[in-house]
N, C-alpha and C. Protein backbone atom coordinates (compact mmCIF):
# COMPACT_ATOMS: atom_id res chain seq x y z
N UNK A 1 20.89 5.65 -13.36
CA UNK A 1 20.76 4.42 -14.15
C UNK A 1 19.41 4.42 -14.85
N UNK A 2 19.40 4.11 -16.13
CA UNK A 2 18.18 4.13 -16.92
C UNK A 2 17.63 2.72 -17.06
N UNK A 3 16.49 2.45 -16.47
CA UNK A 3 15.84 1.14 -16.53
C UNK A 3 14.49 1.32 -17.21
N UNK A 4 14.44 0.98 -18.50
CA UNK A 4 13.23 1.21 -19.28
C UNK A 4 12.05 0.42 -18.74
N UNK A 5 12.29 -0.83 -18.36
CA UNK A 5 11.20 -1.67 -17.85
C UNK A 5 10.59 -1.07 -16.58
N UNK A 6 11.46 -0.55 -15.72
CA UNK A 6 10.97 0.03 -14.46
C UNK A 6 10.20 1.31 -14.73
N UNK A 7 10.66 2.10 -15.69
CA UNK A 7 9.96 3.34 -16.03
C UNK A 7 8.59 3.04 -16.64
N UNK A 8 8.53 2.00 -17.47
CA UNK A 8 7.24 1.60 -18.05
C UNK A 8 6.30 1.12 -16.96
N UNK A 9 6.83 0.37 -15.99
CA UNK A 9 6.02 -0.09 -14.86
C UNK A 9 5.50 1.09 -14.05
N UNK A 10 6.36 2.09 -13.84
CA UNK A 10 5.95 3.29 -13.09
C UNK A 10 4.86 4.05 -13.84
N UNK A 11 5.04 4.20 -15.16
CA UNK A 11 4.05 4.91 -15.97
C UNK A 11 2.72 4.17 -15.95
N UNK A 12 2.77 2.85 -16.06
CA UNK A 12 1.55 2.04 -16.04
C UNK A 12 0.83 2.18 -14.70
N UNK A 13 1.61 2.12 -13.61
CA UNK A 13 1.01 2.24 -12.27
C UNK A 13 0.28 3.57 -12.11
N UNK A 14 0.94 4.65 -12.52
CA UNK A 14 0.33 5.97 -12.37
C UNK A 14 -0.90 6.13 -13.25
N UNK A 15 -0.80 5.69 -14.50
CA UNK A 15 -1.93 5.86 -15.42
C UNK A 15 -3.14 5.06 -14.96
N UNK A 16 -2.90 3.83 -14.49
CA UNK A 16 -4.02 3.02 -14.02
C UNK A 16 -4.64 3.63 -12.77
N UNK A 17 -3.79 4.18 -11.89
CA UNK A 17 -4.30 4.81 -10.67
C UNK A 17 -5.06 6.09 -10.98
N UNK A 18 -4.53 6.89 -11.90
CA UNK A 18 -5.19 8.15 -12.27
C UNK A 18 -6.47 7.90 -13.05
N UNK A 19 -6.49 6.85 -13.88
CA UNK A 19 -7.69 6.45 -14.62
C UNK A 19 -8.25 7.59 -15.47
N UNK A 20 -7.50 8.08 -16.48
CA UNK A 20 -8.00 9.19 -17.33
C UNK A 20 -9.35 8.92 -18.01
N UNK A 21 -9.58 7.72 -18.59
CA UNK A 21 -10.89 7.50 -19.22
C UNK A 21 -12.04 7.56 -18.24
N UNK A 22 -11.82 7.08 -17.01
CA UNK A 22 -12.88 7.12 -16.01
C UNK A 22 -13.13 8.50 -15.47
N UNK A 23 -12.10 9.34 -15.52
CA UNK A 23 -12.23 10.71 -15.01
C UNK A 23 -12.90 11.64 -16.02
N UNK A 24 -12.83 11.29 -17.30
CA UNK A 24 -13.36 12.15 -18.36
C UNK A 24 -14.85 12.48 -18.18
N UNK A 25 -15.73 11.49 -17.99
CA UNK A 25 -17.15 11.84 -17.82
C UNK A 25 -17.43 12.62 -16.54
N UNK A 26 -16.64 12.38 -15.49
CA UNK A 26 -16.82 13.13 -14.24
C UNK A 26 -16.42 14.58 -14.45
N UNK A 27 -15.35 14.79 -15.22
CA UNK A 27 -14.92 16.15 -15.55
C UNK A 27 -16.01 16.89 -16.30
N UNK A 28 -16.69 16.19 -17.20
CA UNK A 28 -17.79 16.81 -17.94
C UNK A 28 -18.91 17.23 -17.00
N UNK A 29 -19.21 16.38 -16.02
CA UNK A 29 -20.28 16.72 -15.08
C UNK A 29 -19.89 17.89 -14.18
N UNK A 30 -18.59 18.00 -13.86
CA UNK A 30 -18.12 19.10 -13.03
C UNK A 30 -18.18 20.43 -13.77
N UNK A 31 -18.03 20.39 -15.08
CA UNK A 31 -17.90 21.63 -15.86
C UNK A 31 -19.14 21.90 -16.71
N UNK A 32 -20.28 21.40 -16.27
CA UNK A 32 -21.52 21.68 -17.00
C UNK A 32 -21.77 23.19 -17.02
N UNK A 33 -22.09 23.72 -18.19
CA UNK A 33 -22.35 25.14 -18.32
C UNK A 33 -21.13 25.95 -18.74
N UNK A 34 -19.94 25.33 -18.74
CA UNK A 34 -18.73 26.03 -19.17
C UNK A 34 -18.50 25.80 -20.65
N UNK A 35 -17.93 26.79 -21.32
CA UNK A 35 -17.61 26.61 -22.73
C UNK A 35 -16.27 25.88 -22.87
N UNK A 36 -15.84 25.62 -24.10
CA UNK A 36 -14.63 24.84 -24.36
C UNK A 36 -13.39 25.51 -23.77
N UNK A 37 -13.29 26.84 -23.90
CA UNK A 37 -12.12 27.55 -23.39
C UNK A 37 -12.06 27.50 -21.86
N UNK A 38 -13.21 27.64 -21.22
CA UNK A 38 -13.24 27.58 -19.76
C UNK A 38 -12.90 26.19 -19.25
N UNK A 39 -13.38 25.16 -19.96
CA UNK A 39 -13.02 23.80 -19.59
C UNK A 39 -11.52 23.57 -19.75
N UNK A 40 -10.95 24.13 -20.81
CA UNK A 40 -9.51 24.02 -21.03
C UNK A 40 -8.73 24.64 -19.87
N UNK A 41 -9.20 25.79 -19.41
CA UNK A 41 -8.53 26.46 -18.29
C UNK A 41 -8.63 25.64 -17.01
N UNK A 42 -9.80 25.06 -16.76
CA UNK A 42 -9.99 24.23 -15.57
C UNK A 42 -9.09 22.99 -15.64
N UNK A 43 -9.04 22.35 -16.82
CA UNK A 43 -8.22 21.16 -16.99
C UNK A 43 -6.74 21.49 -16.82
N UNK A 44 -6.31 22.64 -17.35
CA UNK A 44 -4.91 23.04 -17.24
C UNK A 44 -4.52 23.29 -15.80
N UNK A 45 -5.34 24.07 -15.10
CA UNK A 45 -5.02 24.41 -13.71
C UNK A 45 -5.06 23.17 -12.82
N UNK A 46 -6.07 22.35 -13.00
CA UNK A 46 -6.18 21.15 -12.18
C UNK A 46 -5.03 20.18 -12.39
N UNK A 47 -4.62 20.00 -13.65
CA UNK A 47 -3.52 19.09 -13.96
C UNK A 47 -2.20 19.59 -13.39
N UNK A 48 -1.96 20.90 -13.49
CA UNK A 48 -0.72 21.48 -12.97
C UNK A 48 -0.65 21.35 -11.44
N UNK A 49 -1.76 21.65 -10.77
CA UNK A 49 -1.78 21.56 -9.31
C UNK A 49 -1.53 20.11 -8.88
N UNK A 50 -2.20 19.17 -9.56
CA UNK A 50 -2.02 17.75 -9.23
C UNK A 50 -0.58 17.30 -9.49
N UNK A 51 0.04 17.82 -10.56
CA UNK A 51 1.43 17.46 -10.85
C UNK A 51 2.35 17.89 -9.73
N UNK A 52 2.20 19.14 -9.27
CA UNK A 52 3.08 19.63 -8.21
C UNK A 52 2.85 18.88 -6.89
N UNK A 53 1.61 18.47 -6.63
CA UNK A 53 1.33 17.69 -5.43
C UNK A 53 2.05 16.34 -5.49
N UNK A 54 1.90 15.65 -6.62
CA UNK A 54 2.52 14.33 -6.77
C UNK A 54 4.04 14.45 -6.83
N UNK A 55 4.55 15.50 -7.48
CA UNK A 55 6.00 15.70 -7.54
C UNK A 55 6.57 15.91 -6.14
N UNK A 56 5.87 16.65 -5.29
CA UNK A 56 6.33 16.89 -3.93
C UNK A 56 6.42 15.58 -3.15
N UNK A 57 5.41 14.73 -3.31
CA UNK A 57 5.44 13.44 -2.61
C UNK A 57 6.49 12.52 -3.19
N UNK A 58 6.74 12.62 -4.50
CA UNK A 58 7.78 11.80 -5.12
C UNK A 58 9.15 12.17 -4.59
N UNK A 59 9.40 13.46 -4.35
CA UNK A 59 10.71 13.93 -3.90
C UNK A 59 10.90 13.81 -2.40
N UNK A 60 9.84 14.08 -1.63
CA UNK A 60 9.99 14.18 -0.18
C UNK A 60 9.15 13.17 0.59
N UNK A 61 8.44 12.30 -0.12
CA UNK A 61 7.56 11.35 0.56
C UNK A 61 8.29 10.41 1.49
N UNK A 62 9.44 9.85 1.03
CA UNK A 62 10.18 8.92 1.88
C UNK A 62 10.80 9.65 3.08
N UNK A 63 11.16 10.93 2.89
CA UNK A 63 11.68 11.71 4.01
C UNK A 63 10.62 11.93 5.08
N UNK A 64 9.39 12.20 4.63
CA UNK A 64 8.28 12.36 5.57
C UNK A 64 8.04 11.06 6.33
N UNK A 65 8.11 9.94 5.62
CA UNK A 65 7.93 8.65 6.27
C UNK A 65 9.02 8.41 7.31
N UNK A 66 10.26 8.82 6.98
CA UNK A 66 11.36 8.66 7.91
C UNK A 66 11.14 9.45 9.19
N UNK A 67 10.63 10.67 9.06
CA UNK A 67 10.35 11.49 10.24
C UNK A 67 9.27 10.86 11.11
N UNK A 68 8.34 10.17 10.47
CA UNK A 68 7.26 9.52 11.21
C UNK A 68 7.66 8.14 11.73
N UNK A 69 8.86 7.69 11.38
CA UNK A 69 9.32 6.39 11.83
C UNK A 69 8.70 5.23 11.09
N UNK A 70 8.26 5.46 9.86
CA UNK A 70 7.62 4.41 9.05
C UNK A 70 8.63 3.92 8.02
N UNK A 71 8.88 2.63 8.00
CA UNK A 71 9.83 2.07 7.04
C UNK A 71 9.21 2.00 5.65
N UNK A 72 10.09 1.98 4.65
CA UNK A 72 9.61 1.87 3.27
C UNK A 72 8.87 0.55 3.05
N UNK A 73 9.38 -0.51 3.69
CA UNK A 73 8.73 -1.81 3.55
C UNK A 73 7.31 -1.79 4.07
N UNK A 74 7.13 -1.16 5.25
CA UNK A 74 5.79 -1.08 5.83
C UNK A 74 4.86 -0.26 4.95
N UNK A 75 5.39 0.84 4.39
CA UNK A 75 4.54 1.67 3.54
C UNK A 75 4.20 0.97 2.23
N UNK A 76 5.15 0.19 1.72
CA UNK A 76 4.85 -0.57 0.50
C UNK A 76 3.71 -1.55 0.73
N UNK A 77 3.72 -2.20 1.90
CA UNK A 77 2.63 -3.13 2.22
C UNK A 77 1.31 -2.37 2.34
N UNK A 78 1.31 -1.28 3.12
CA UNK A 78 0.09 -0.50 3.30
C UNK A 78 -0.39 0.11 1.99
N UNK A 79 0.55 0.69 1.23
CA UNK A 79 0.19 1.29 -0.05
C UNK A 79 -0.32 0.27 -1.04
N UNK A 80 0.30 -0.91 -1.04
CA UNK A 80 -0.16 -1.98 -1.93
C UNK A 80 -1.57 -2.43 -1.60
N UNK A 81 -1.87 -2.52 -0.30
CA UNK A 81 -3.22 -2.90 0.12
C UNK A 81 -4.24 -1.83 -0.28
N UNK A 82 -3.84 -0.55 -0.15
CA UNK A 82 -4.73 0.54 -0.55
C UNK A 82 -5.00 0.49 -2.05
N UNK A 83 -3.94 0.29 -2.84
CA UNK A 83 -4.11 0.20 -4.29
C UNK A 83 -4.96 -1.02 -4.66
N UNK A 84 -4.80 -2.10 -3.90
CA UNK A 84 -5.60 -3.29 -4.17
C UNK A 84 -7.08 -3.01 -3.92
N UNK A 85 -7.37 -2.23 -2.86
CA UNK A 85 -8.76 -1.86 -2.58
C UNK A 85 -9.33 -1.00 -3.70
N UNK A 86 -8.50 -0.09 -4.22
CA UNK A 86 -8.94 0.75 -5.34
C UNK A 86 -9.23 -0.12 -6.56
N UNK A 87 -8.36 -1.11 -6.81
CA UNK A 87 -8.60 -2.01 -7.95
C UNK A 87 -9.89 -2.80 -7.75
N UNK A 88 -10.18 -3.18 -6.49
CA UNK A 88 -11.42 -3.88 -6.17
C UNK A 88 -12.63 -3.00 -6.52
N UNK A 89 -12.54 -1.71 -6.16
CA UNK A 89 -13.61 -0.77 -6.46
C UNK A 89 -13.78 -0.61 -7.97
N UNK A 90 -12.66 -0.57 -8.70
CA UNK A 90 -12.72 -0.42 -10.15
C UNK A 90 -13.39 -1.62 -10.80
N UNK A 91 -13.02 -2.83 -10.36
CA UNK A 91 -13.57 -4.04 -10.96
C UNK A 91 -15.07 -4.16 -10.72
N UNK A 92 -15.51 -3.74 -9.53
CA UNK A 92 -16.92 -3.85 -9.18
C UNK A 92 -17.66 -2.52 -9.29
N UNK A 93 -17.07 -1.54 -10.02
CA UNK A 93 -17.70 -0.27 -10.36
C UNK A 93 -18.12 0.55 -9.15
N UNK A 94 -17.36 0.49 -8.07
CA UNK A 94 -17.68 1.30 -6.90
C UNK A 94 -16.90 2.61 -6.90
N UNK A 95 -15.72 2.62 -7.55
CA UNK A 95 -14.89 3.82 -7.54
C UNK A 95 -15.56 4.94 -8.33
N UNK A 96 -16.15 4.60 -9.48
CA UNK A 96 -16.80 5.60 -10.33
C UNK A 96 -17.95 6.27 -9.58
N UNK A 97 -18.73 5.46 -8.88
CA UNK A 97 -19.86 6.01 -8.11
C UNK A 97 -19.38 6.95 -7.02
N UNK A 98 -18.27 6.58 -6.32
CA UNK A 98 -17.74 7.43 -5.26
C UNK A 98 -17.22 8.74 -5.82
N UNK A 99 -16.52 8.69 -6.97
CA UNK A 99 -15.99 9.91 -7.58
C UNK A 99 -17.13 10.83 -8.03
N UNK A 100 -18.20 10.24 -8.56
CA UNK A 100 -19.33 11.05 -9.01
C UNK A 100 -19.98 11.76 -7.83
N UNK A 101 -20.09 11.09 -6.70
CA UNK A 101 -20.66 11.72 -5.51
C UNK A 101 -19.78 12.87 -5.04
N UNK A 102 -18.45 12.68 -5.11
CA UNK A 102 -17.53 13.75 -4.72
C UNK A 102 -17.71 14.97 -5.61
N UNK A 103 -17.85 14.72 -6.91
CA UNK A 103 -18.03 15.82 -7.85
C UNK A 103 -19.32 16.57 -7.62
N UNK A 104 -20.41 15.84 -7.36
CA UNK A 104 -21.70 16.48 -7.15
C UNK A 104 -21.67 17.35 -5.90
N UNK A 105 -21.03 16.89 -4.84
CA UNK A 105 -20.95 17.67 -3.61
C UNK A 105 -20.20 18.97 -3.83
N UNK A 106 -19.12 18.89 -4.61
CA UNK A 106 -18.31 20.09 -4.83
C UNK A 106 -19.06 21.14 -5.63
N UNK A 107 -19.81 20.71 -6.63
CA UNK A 107 -20.52 21.66 -7.47
C UNK A 107 -21.56 22.43 -6.67
N UNK A 108 -22.20 21.77 -5.74
CA UNK A 108 -23.25 22.44 -4.98
C UNK A 108 -22.67 23.36 -3.90
N UNK A 109 -21.47 23.10 -3.41
CA UNK A 109 -20.92 23.85 -2.29
C UNK A 109 -19.87 24.87 -2.69
N UNK A 110 -19.14 24.64 -3.73
CA UNK A 110 -18.03 25.51 -4.10
C UNK A 110 -18.34 26.28 -5.38
N UNK A 111 -17.74 27.42 -5.48
CA UNK A 111 -17.90 28.22 -6.69
C UNK A 111 -17.25 27.51 -7.86
N UNK A 112 -17.82 27.71 -9.06
CA UNK A 112 -17.37 26.97 -10.24
C UNK A 112 -15.91 27.23 -10.56
N UNK A 113 -15.39 28.41 -10.21
CA UNK A 113 -13.99 28.72 -10.54
C UNK A 113 -13.00 28.01 -9.63
N UNK A 114 -13.47 27.39 -8.58
CA UNK A 114 -12.57 26.68 -7.66
C UNK A 114 -12.52 25.18 -7.91
N UNK A 115 -13.29 24.68 -8.86
CA UNK A 115 -13.34 23.24 -9.07
C UNK A 115 -12.03 22.67 -9.58
N UNK A 116 -11.17 23.51 -10.15
CA UNK A 116 -9.86 23.01 -10.60
C UNK A 116 -9.03 22.53 -9.42
N UNK A 117 -9.22 23.21 -8.27
CA UNK A 117 -8.49 22.82 -7.06
C UNK A 117 -9.23 21.68 -6.36
N UNK A 118 -10.49 21.92 -6.07
CA UNK A 118 -11.32 20.90 -5.42
C UNK A 118 -12.66 20.82 -6.14
N UNK A 119 -13.02 19.65 -6.65
CA UNK A 119 -12.42 18.35 -6.37
C UNK A 119 -11.50 17.82 -7.47
N UNK A 120 -11.20 18.62 -8.52
CA UNK A 120 -10.46 18.05 -9.65
C UNK A 120 -9.04 17.64 -9.26
N UNK A 121 -8.22 18.63 -8.82
CA UNK A 121 -6.84 18.31 -8.44
C UNK A 121 -6.81 17.41 -7.21
N UNK A 122 -7.59 17.81 -6.20
CA UNK A 122 -7.75 17.05 -4.96
C UNK A 122 -9.24 16.85 -4.69
N UNK A 123 -9.75 15.65 -4.56
CA UNK A 123 -9.00 14.39 -4.53
C UNK A 123 -9.13 13.54 -5.79
N UNK A 124 -9.76 14.07 -6.86
CA UNK A 124 -10.04 13.22 -8.01
C UNK A 124 -8.78 12.80 -8.77
N UNK A 125 -7.81 13.73 -8.93
CA UNK A 125 -6.57 13.38 -9.62
C UNK A 125 -5.52 12.91 -8.61
N UNK A 126 -5.07 13.82 -7.75
CA UNK A 126 -4.06 13.49 -6.75
C UNK A 126 -4.74 13.02 -5.48
N UNK A 127 -5.41 11.88 -5.58
CA UNK A 127 -6.09 11.32 -4.43
C UNK A 127 -5.18 10.40 -3.63
N UNK A 128 -5.73 9.72 -2.62
CA UNK A 128 -4.91 8.83 -1.79
C UNK A 128 -4.19 7.75 -2.58
N UNK A 129 -4.88 7.18 -3.58
CA UNK A 129 -4.26 6.13 -4.38
C UNK A 129 -3.07 6.63 -5.18
N UNK A 130 -3.24 7.78 -5.84
CA UNK A 130 -2.15 8.33 -6.65
C UNK A 130 -0.98 8.77 -5.76
N UNK A 131 -1.27 9.36 -4.61
CA UNK A 131 -0.22 9.79 -3.69
C UNK A 131 0.54 8.58 -3.15
N UNK A 132 -0.19 7.53 -2.77
CA UNK A 132 0.46 6.33 -2.27
C UNK A 132 1.34 5.70 -3.34
N UNK A 133 0.81 5.62 -4.57
CA UNK A 133 1.59 5.04 -5.66
C UNK A 133 2.84 5.86 -5.92
N UNK A 134 2.73 7.18 -5.84
CA UNK A 134 3.88 8.06 -6.08
C UNK A 134 4.96 7.86 -5.03
N UNK A 135 4.57 7.78 -3.76
CA UNK A 135 5.56 7.56 -2.70
C UNK A 135 6.22 6.20 -2.85
N UNK A 136 5.43 5.19 -3.20
CA UNK A 136 5.99 3.86 -3.41
C UNK A 136 7.00 3.86 -4.55
N UNK A 137 6.66 4.53 -5.63
CA UNK A 137 7.58 4.61 -6.77
C UNK A 137 8.82 5.42 -6.40
N UNK A 138 8.62 6.50 -5.64
CA UNK A 138 9.74 7.32 -5.22
C UNK A 138 10.75 6.55 -4.41
N UNK A 139 10.28 5.60 -3.59
CA UNK A 139 11.19 4.79 -2.78
C UNK A 139 12.02 3.85 -3.63
N UNK A 140 11.55 3.59 -4.84
CA UNK A 140 12.29 2.72 -5.76
C UNK A 140 13.22 3.49 -6.68
N UNK A 141 13.18 4.83 -6.58
CA UNK A 141 14.06 5.70 -7.38
C UNK A 141 14.93 6.51 -6.41
N UNK A 142 15.94 5.89 -5.77
CA UNK A 142 16.67 6.57 -4.70
C UNK A 142 17.62 7.68 -5.15
N UNK A 143 18.25 7.52 -6.31
CA UNK A 143 19.26 8.51 -6.71
C UNK A 143 18.60 9.75 -7.31
N UNK A 144 19.40 10.84 -7.41
CA UNK A 144 18.88 12.09 -7.94
C UNK A 144 18.46 11.94 -9.41
N UNK A 145 19.27 11.23 -10.19
CA UNK A 145 18.95 11.04 -11.61
C UNK A 145 17.66 10.24 -11.76
N UNK A 146 17.50 9.23 -10.93
CA UNK A 146 16.29 8.40 -10.99
C UNK A 146 15.06 9.20 -10.55
N UNK A 147 15.23 10.10 -9.59
CA UNK A 147 14.10 10.95 -9.18
C UNK A 147 13.68 11.87 -10.31
N UNK A 148 14.66 12.37 -11.07
CA UNK A 148 14.34 13.20 -12.24
C UNK A 148 13.55 12.37 -13.26
N UNK A 149 13.96 11.12 -13.45
CA UNK A 149 13.23 10.24 -14.36
C UNK A 149 11.80 10.02 -13.88
N UNK A 150 11.63 9.88 -12.57
CA UNK A 150 10.29 9.70 -12.02
C UNK A 150 9.44 10.94 -12.24
N UNK A 151 10.04 12.13 -12.08
CA UNK A 151 9.31 13.37 -12.34
C UNK A 151 8.87 13.44 -13.81
N UNK A 152 9.72 12.96 -14.71
CA UNK A 152 9.35 12.92 -16.13
C UNK A 152 8.18 11.98 -16.35
N UNK A 153 8.19 10.84 -15.65
CA UNK A 153 7.08 9.88 -15.75
C UNK A 153 5.79 10.50 -15.23
N UNK A 154 5.88 11.20 -14.10
CA UNK A 154 4.69 11.87 -13.54
C UNK A 154 4.18 12.93 -14.51
N UNK A 155 5.11 13.70 -15.11
CA UNK A 155 4.72 14.73 -16.07
C UNK A 155 4.04 14.10 -17.29
N UNK A 156 4.59 12.97 -17.77
CA UNK A 156 3.98 12.29 -18.92
C UNK A 156 2.59 11.78 -18.58
N UNK A 157 2.44 11.22 -17.39
CA UNK A 157 1.13 10.74 -16.95
C UNK A 157 0.13 11.88 -16.87
N UNK A 158 0.58 13.00 -16.33
CA UNK A 158 -0.31 14.15 -16.18
C UNK A 158 -0.66 14.75 -17.54
N UNK A 159 0.30 14.71 -18.49
CA UNK A 159 0.03 15.21 -19.84
C UNK A 159 -1.05 14.36 -20.51
N UNK A 160 -0.97 13.04 -20.35
CA UNK A 160 -1.99 12.16 -20.93
C UNK A 160 -3.34 12.38 -20.26
N UNK A 161 -3.32 12.59 -18.94
CA UNK A 161 -4.56 12.88 -18.23
C UNK A 161 -5.16 14.21 -18.70
N UNK A 162 -4.31 15.21 -18.86
CA UNK A 162 -4.77 16.52 -19.35
C UNK A 162 -5.41 16.37 -20.73
N UNK A 163 -4.77 15.58 -21.60
CA UNK A 163 -5.33 15.36 -22.93
C UNK A 163 -6.70 14.69 -22.85
N UNK A 164 -6.83 13.73 -21.91
CA UNK A 164 -8.13 13.06 -21.74
C UNK A 164 -9.20 14.04 -21.28
N UNK A 165 -8.83 15.00 -20.43
CA UNK A 165 -9.80 15.99 -19.96
C UNK A 165 -10.20 16.94 -21.09
N UNK A 166 -9.22 17.32 -21.92
CA UNK A 166 -9.50 18.24 -23.02
C UNK A 166 -10.47 17.62 -24.02
N UNK A 167 -10.30 16.32 -24.28
CA UNK A 167 -11.18 15.65 -25.25
C UNK A 167 -12.18 14.75 -24.52
N UNK A 168 -12.56 15.15 -23.31
CA UNK A 168 -13.44 14.33 -22.48
C UNK A 168 -14.76 14.01 -23.16
N UNK A 169 -15.32 15.00 -23.86
CA UNK A 169 -16.61 14.76 -24.52
C UNK A 169 -16.50 13.70 -25.60
N UNK A 170 -15.38 13.69 -26.34
CA UNK A 170 -15.18 12.69 -27.39
C UNK A 170 -14.95 11.30 -26.80
N UNK A 171 -14.16 11.24 -25.71
CA UNK A 171 -13.92 9.95 -25.06
C UNK A 171 -15.21 9.36 -24.53
N UNK A 172 -16.05 10.20 -23.93
CA UNK A 172 -17.31 9.73 -23.36
C UNK A 172 -18.23 9.18 -24.45
N UNK A 173 -18.28 9.89 -25.59
CA UNK A 173 -19.12 9.42 -26.69
C UNK A 173 -18.56 8.13 -27.31
N UNK A 174 -17.23 8.05 -27.42
CA UNK A 174 -16.60 6.89 -28.06
C UNK A 174 -16.75 5.62 -27.22
N UNK A 175 -16.48 5.72 -25.92
CA UNK A 175 -16.53 4.54 -25.06
C UNK A 175 -17.96 4.11 -24.76
N UNK A 176 -18.79 5.09 -24.42
CA UNK A 176 -20.14 4.75 -24.00
C UNK A 176 -20.12 4.04 -22.66
N UNK A 177 -21.28 3.64 -22.19
CA UNK A 177 -21.39 2.98 -20.88
C UNK A 177 -20.68 1.64 -20.89
N UNK A 178 -20.90 0.84 -21.94
CA UNK A 178 -20.29 -0.49 -22.02
C UNK A 178 -18.78 -0.41 -22.13
N UNK A 179 -18.28 0.48 -22.97
CA UNK A 179 -16.84 0.63 -23.15
C UNK A 179 -16.15 1.05 -21.87
N UNK A 180 -16.75 2.00 -21.14
CA UNK A 180 -16.16 2.45 -19.87
C UNK A 180 -16.12 1.32 -18.86
N UNK A 181 -17.18 0.51 -18.82
CA UNK A 181 -17.23 -0.60 -17.87
C UNK A 181 -16.14 -1.62 -18.16
N UNK A 182 -15.97 -1.95 -19.45
CA UNK A 182 -14.95 -2.93 -19.82
C UNK A 182 -13.55 -2.41 -19.52
N UNK A 183 -13.27 -1.16 -19.91
CA UNK A 183 -11.95 -0.58 -19.70
C UNK A 183 -11.63 -0.45 -18.22
N UNK A 184 -12.60 -0.03 -17.42
CA UNK A 184 -12.38 0.13 -15.99
C UNK A 184 -12.05 -1.20 -15.33
N UNK A 185 -12.75 -2.25 -15.71
CA UNK A 185 -12.48 -3.57 -15.12
C UNK A 185 -11.11 -4.09 -15.55
N UNK A 186 -10.75 -3.86 -16.80
CA UNK A 186 -9.43 -4.30 -17.28
C UNK A 186 -8.31 -3.58 -16.53
N UNK A 187 -8.44 -2.27 -16.38
CA UNK A 187 -7.45 -1.50 -15.64
C UNK A 187 -7.42 -1.92 -14.17
N UNK A 188 -8.57 -2.29 -13.62
CA UNK A 188 -8.63 -2.74 -12.24
C UNK A 188 -7.85 -4.02 -12.01
N UNK A 189 -7.94 -4.94 -12.95
CA UNK A 189 -7.18 -6.19 -12.84
C UNK A 189 -5.68 -5.91 -12.90
N UNK A 190 -5.26 -5.01 -13.81
CA UNK A 190 -3.84 -4.66 -13.92
C UNK A 190 -3.36 -4.01 -12.63
N UNK A 191 -4.15 -3.10 -12.09
CA UNK A 191 -3.77 -2.43 -10.85
C UNK A 191 -3.70 -3.42 -9.69
N UNK A 192 -4.59 -4.42 -9.66
CA UNK A 192 -4.55 -5.43 -8.60
C UNK A 192 -3.23 -6.19 -8.64
N UNK A 193 -2.79 -6.55 -9.84
CA UNK A 193 -1.52 -7.27 -9.97
C UNK A 193 -0.35 -6.41 -9.52
N UNK A 194 -0.36 -5.13 -9.90
CA UNK A 194 0.70 -4.21 -9.46
C UNK A 194 0.67 -4.03 -7.95
N UNK A 195 -0.52 -3.96 -7.36
CA UNK A 195 -0.65 -3.80 -5.92
C UNK A 195 -0.09 -5.01 -5.17
N UNK A 196 -0.37 -6.20 -5.67
CA UNK A 196 0.16 -7.42 -5.05
C UNK A 196 1.69 -7.41 -5.11
N UNK A 197 2.24 -6.95 -6.23
CA UNK A 197 3.69 -6.87 -6.35
C UNK A 197 4.28 -5.91 -5.32
N UNK A 198 3.60 -4.77 -5.08
CA UNK A 198 4.05 -3.83 -4.06
C UNK A 198 4.07 -4.50 -2.68
N UNK A 199 3.02 -5.27 -2.38
CA UNK A 199 2.95 -5.95 -1.09
C UNK A 199 4.07 -6.97 -0.95
N UNK A 200 4.31 -7.74 -2.01
CA UNK A 200 5.40 -8.74 -1.99
C UNK A 200 6.75 -8.07 -1.75
N UNK A 201 7.00 -6.96 -2.48
CA UNK A 201 8.26 -6.23 -2.30
C UNK A 201 8.36 -5.66 -0.88
N UNK A 202 7.23 -5.21 -0.35
CA UNK A 202 7.22 -4.66 1.00
C UNK A 202 7.52 -5.72 2.05
N UNK A 203 6.96 -6.90 1.89
CA UNK A 203 7.23 -8.00 2.82
C UNK A 203 8.70 -8.39 2.78
N UNK A 204 9.26 -8.47 1.57
CA UNK A 204 10.67 -8.80 1.43
C UNK A 204 11.55 -7.76 2.11
N UNK A 205 11.18 -6.47 1.93
CA UNK A 205 11.98 -5.39 2.53
C UNK A 205 11.82 -5.35 4.05
N UNK A 206 10.59 -5.49 4.53
CA UNK A 206 10.34 -5.38 5.97
C UNK A 206 10.98 -6.51 6.75
N UNK A 207 10.95 -7.72 6.17
CA UNK A 207 11.48 -8.89 6.87
C UNK A 207 12.84 -9.31 6.34
N UNK A 208 13.41 -8.48 5.44
CA UNK A 208 14.75 -8.72 4.88
C UNK A 208 14.87 -10.13 4.30
N UNK A 209 13.90 -10.46 3.47
CA UNK A 209 13.87 -11.77 2.82
C UNK A 209 14.64 -11.67 1.50
N UNK A 210 15.61 -12.52 1.31
CA UNK A 210 16.41 -12.55 0.10
C UNK A 210 15.88 -13.64 -0.82
N UNK A 211 15.63 -13.28 -2.09
CA UNK A 211 15.12 -14.26 -3.06
C UNK A 211 16.11 -14.38 -4.20
């Protein structure tokens, strides 16, 4: 079944969680000293790895929860609270600082050719928030056709993120400090509303509340 509104909601949730504009300046700091072609290679590899990670959780996340004895309703509540905390960090500019610290640690400890895997793919792109959002969305796409649609949404989100990484220097110059702060807070408010909706849906599912 094709539900355009639900697909748009899924795309919005993933894009806000992934936060391409906020990741662009961090990507630049991770790839200092690399030329344009090398940055392109890092962005390509990191985006592909993150896509396969999120796709795996989209397809098998609810099965993993079932093996652990965790209901979808309970995970929706927990995932919604986690996304709400991320939105809180975005609104008060704590998430950017945490991501920057993660990037700095990786550059000093890992070889430059491994940054596509860590910390770019994990945890900056496919972090706890994105994984939680993916599993939550996967539980709302039960049929095989709907799962394929979700994979297309994840691919579209990752393509937009990849584009943001490729033109990261232009985005950073265009937004500036003030622009990034405004955009991050706006996206944080949107994510907070989506997170609350996840919690409401989870409560209804867990307690079998009919509305």
